[in-house]
Amino acid sequence: MAAPMTRFLAAVTTRRSSACAAGGSLRRRFASSARHDDAQEAVKWERITYFGIATCTMLAIYNLSKGHPHFPDPPPYEYLHIRNKEFPWGMEPSLYNSLCYACFFTVFPSF
């Protein structure tokens, strides 16, 4: 146990003494460069963002200006919209039929 620890301490002290003797400092070195300006990086990403916004806007205008195909209505099949029983509000399938509209506008005439 003592042998690995002495080797480790010898290596650390050798590195420190050689770094100090060479004129280097014992500062921690980061992976990114300290000389790189953060303002330049921000400007770069701002330009990329504006370019992306302009590109997406042009693609959207192009896609929306083309139009879309209109298909013919399907034939009225007999098995669709079968009503075997009346609705509680009548045969009109909408809850908001003319009677409801009339009642609403008599209660709220300013609407």
Protein backbone atom coordinates (compact mmCIF):
# COMPACT_ATOMS: atom_id res chain seq x y z
CA MET A 1 0.00 0.00 0.00
CA ALA A 2 2.83 2.33 0.79
CA ALA A 3 4.65 1.70 -2.48
CA PRO A 4 1.88 2.97 -4.81
CA MET A 5 1.34 6.01 -2.62
CA THR A 6 5.02 6.90 -2.63
CA ARG A 7 5.12 6.52 -6.42
CA PHE A 8 2.11 8.82 -6.75
CA LEU A 9 3.60 11.46 -4.46
CA ALA A 10 6.91 11.27 -6.29
CA ALA A 11 5.18 11.77 -9.64
CA VAL A 12 3.15 14.73 -8.37
CA THR A 13 6.12 16.48 -6.85
CA THR A 14 8.22 15.82 -9.95
CA ARG A 15 5.51 17.33 -12.18
CA ARG A 16 5.12 20.35 -9.95
CA SER A 17 8.82 21.03 -9.71
CA SER A 18 9.33 20.61 -13.47
CA ALA A 19 6.36 22.86 -14.28
CA CYS A 20 7.55 25.58 -11.90
CA ALA A 21 11.12 25.30 -13.16
CA ALA A 22 9.99 25.65 -16.77
CA GLY A 23 8.19 28.88 -15.95
CA GLY A 24 4.71 27.36 -16.24
CA SER A 25 2.01 27.80 -13.69
CA LEU A 26 -0.08 25.22 -11.95
CA ARG A 27 -3.33 26.67 -13.26
CA ARG A 28 -5.95 24.32 -14.51
CA ARG A 29 -6.11 24.21 -18.30
CA PHE A 30 -9.59 24.01 -19.81
CA ALA A 31 -10.48 22.37 -23.08
CA SER A 32 -11.82 25.57 -24.62
CA SER A 33 -9.50 28.31 -25.64
CA ALA A 34 -9.45 31.37 -23.42
CA ARG A 35 -8.50 33.52 -26.41
CA HIS A 36 -11.77 32.80 -28.19
CA ASP A 37 -14.13 35.73 -27.82
CA ASP A 38 -17.61 34.93 -26.52
CA ALA A 39 -19.05 37.97 -28.30
CA GLN A 40 -17.97 36.56 -31.67
CA GLU A 41 -19.65 33.27 -30.81
CA ALA A 42 -22.87 35.07 -29.87
CA VAL A 43 -22.83 37.05 -33.11
CA LYS A 44 -22.26 33.85 -35.10
CA TRP A 45 -25.28 32.11 -33.54
CA GLU A 46 -27.41 35.22 -33.90
CA ARG A 47 -26.67 35.27 -37.64
CA ILE A 48 -27.39 31.54 -37.92
CA THR A 49 -30.72 32.09 -36.14
CA TYR A 50 -31.76 34.93 -38.43
CA PHE A 51 -30.74 32.90 -41.49
CA GLY A 52 -32.85 29.98 -40.21
CA ILE A 53 -35.85 32.23 -39.60
CA ALA A 54 -35.60 33.71 -43.10
CA THR A 55 -35.23 30.26 -44.68
CA CYS A 56 -38.20 28.80 -42.81
CA THR A 57 -40.34 31.83 -43.68
CA MET A 58 -39.51 31.55 -47.39
CA LEU A 59 -40.25 27.81 -47.39
CA ALA A 60 -43.57 28.39 -45.64
CA ILE A 61 -44.58 31.10 -48.13
CA TYR A 62 -43.64 28.84 -51.03
CA ASN A 63 -45.56 25.85 -49.66
CA LEU A 64 -48.65 27.88 -48.77
CA SER A 65 -48.76 29.69 -52.11
CA LYS A 66 -48.94 26.50 -54.18
CA GLY A 67 -52.49 25.60 -53.22
CA HIS A 68 -53.87 22.16 -52.66
CA PRO A 69 -55.94 19.71 -54.70
CA HIS A 70 -59.71 19.59 -54.29
CA PHE A 71 -61.28 16.17 -54.53
CA PRO A 72 -64.86 15.55 -55.64
CA ASP A 73 -67.46 14.88 -52.98
CA PRO A 74 -68.10 11.20 -52.31
CA PRO A 75 -71.42 9.81 -53.51
CA PRO A 76 -74.25 9.85 -50.96
CA TYR A 77 -74.27 6.24 -49.84
CA GLU A 78 -77.53 4.88 -48.44
CA TYR A 79 -75.90 3.44 -45.32
CA LEU A 80 -74.58 6.81 -44.12
CA HIS A 81 -76.58 9.08 -41.79
CA ILE A 82 -79.20 6.48 -40.92
CA ARG A 83 -81.67 7.85 -38.36
CA ASN A 84 -83.74 5.10 -36.78
CA LYS A 85 -84.80 7.18 -33.81
CA GLU A 86 -85.41 10.91 -33.46
CA PHE A 87 -83.05 13.08 -31.50
CA PRO A 88 -84.52 14.53 -28.29
CA TRP A 89 -84.29 18.00 -29.85
CA GLY A 90 -85.75 16.98 -33.21
CA MET A 91 -84.46 15.50 -36.43
CA GLU A 92 -82.06 18.36 -37.02
CA PRO A 93 -78.66 16.93 -36.03
CA SER A 94 -77.40 20.19 -34.60
CA LEU A 95 -78.15 21.29 -31.06
CA TYR A 96 -78.04 24.87 -32.26
CA ASN A 97 -81.02 24.83 -34.55
CA SER A 98 -83.25 27.76 -35.41
CA LEU A 99 -85.31 27.37 -32.25
CA CYS A 100 -82.21 27.66 -30.08
CA TYR A 101 -81.06 30.71 -32.00
CA ALA A 102 -84.47 32.34 -31.58
CA CYS A 103 -84.46 31.66 -27.82
CA PHE A 104 -80.93 32.98 -27.48
CA PHE A 105 -81.62 36.23 -29.28
CA THR A 106 -84.80 36.86 -27.27
CA VAL A 107 -82.83 36.48 -24.03
CA PHE A 108 -79.77 38.41 -25.28
CA PRO A 109 -81.04 40.97 -27.82
CA SER A 110 -77.85 43.04 -27.82
CA PHE A 111 -75.69 40.17 -29.09
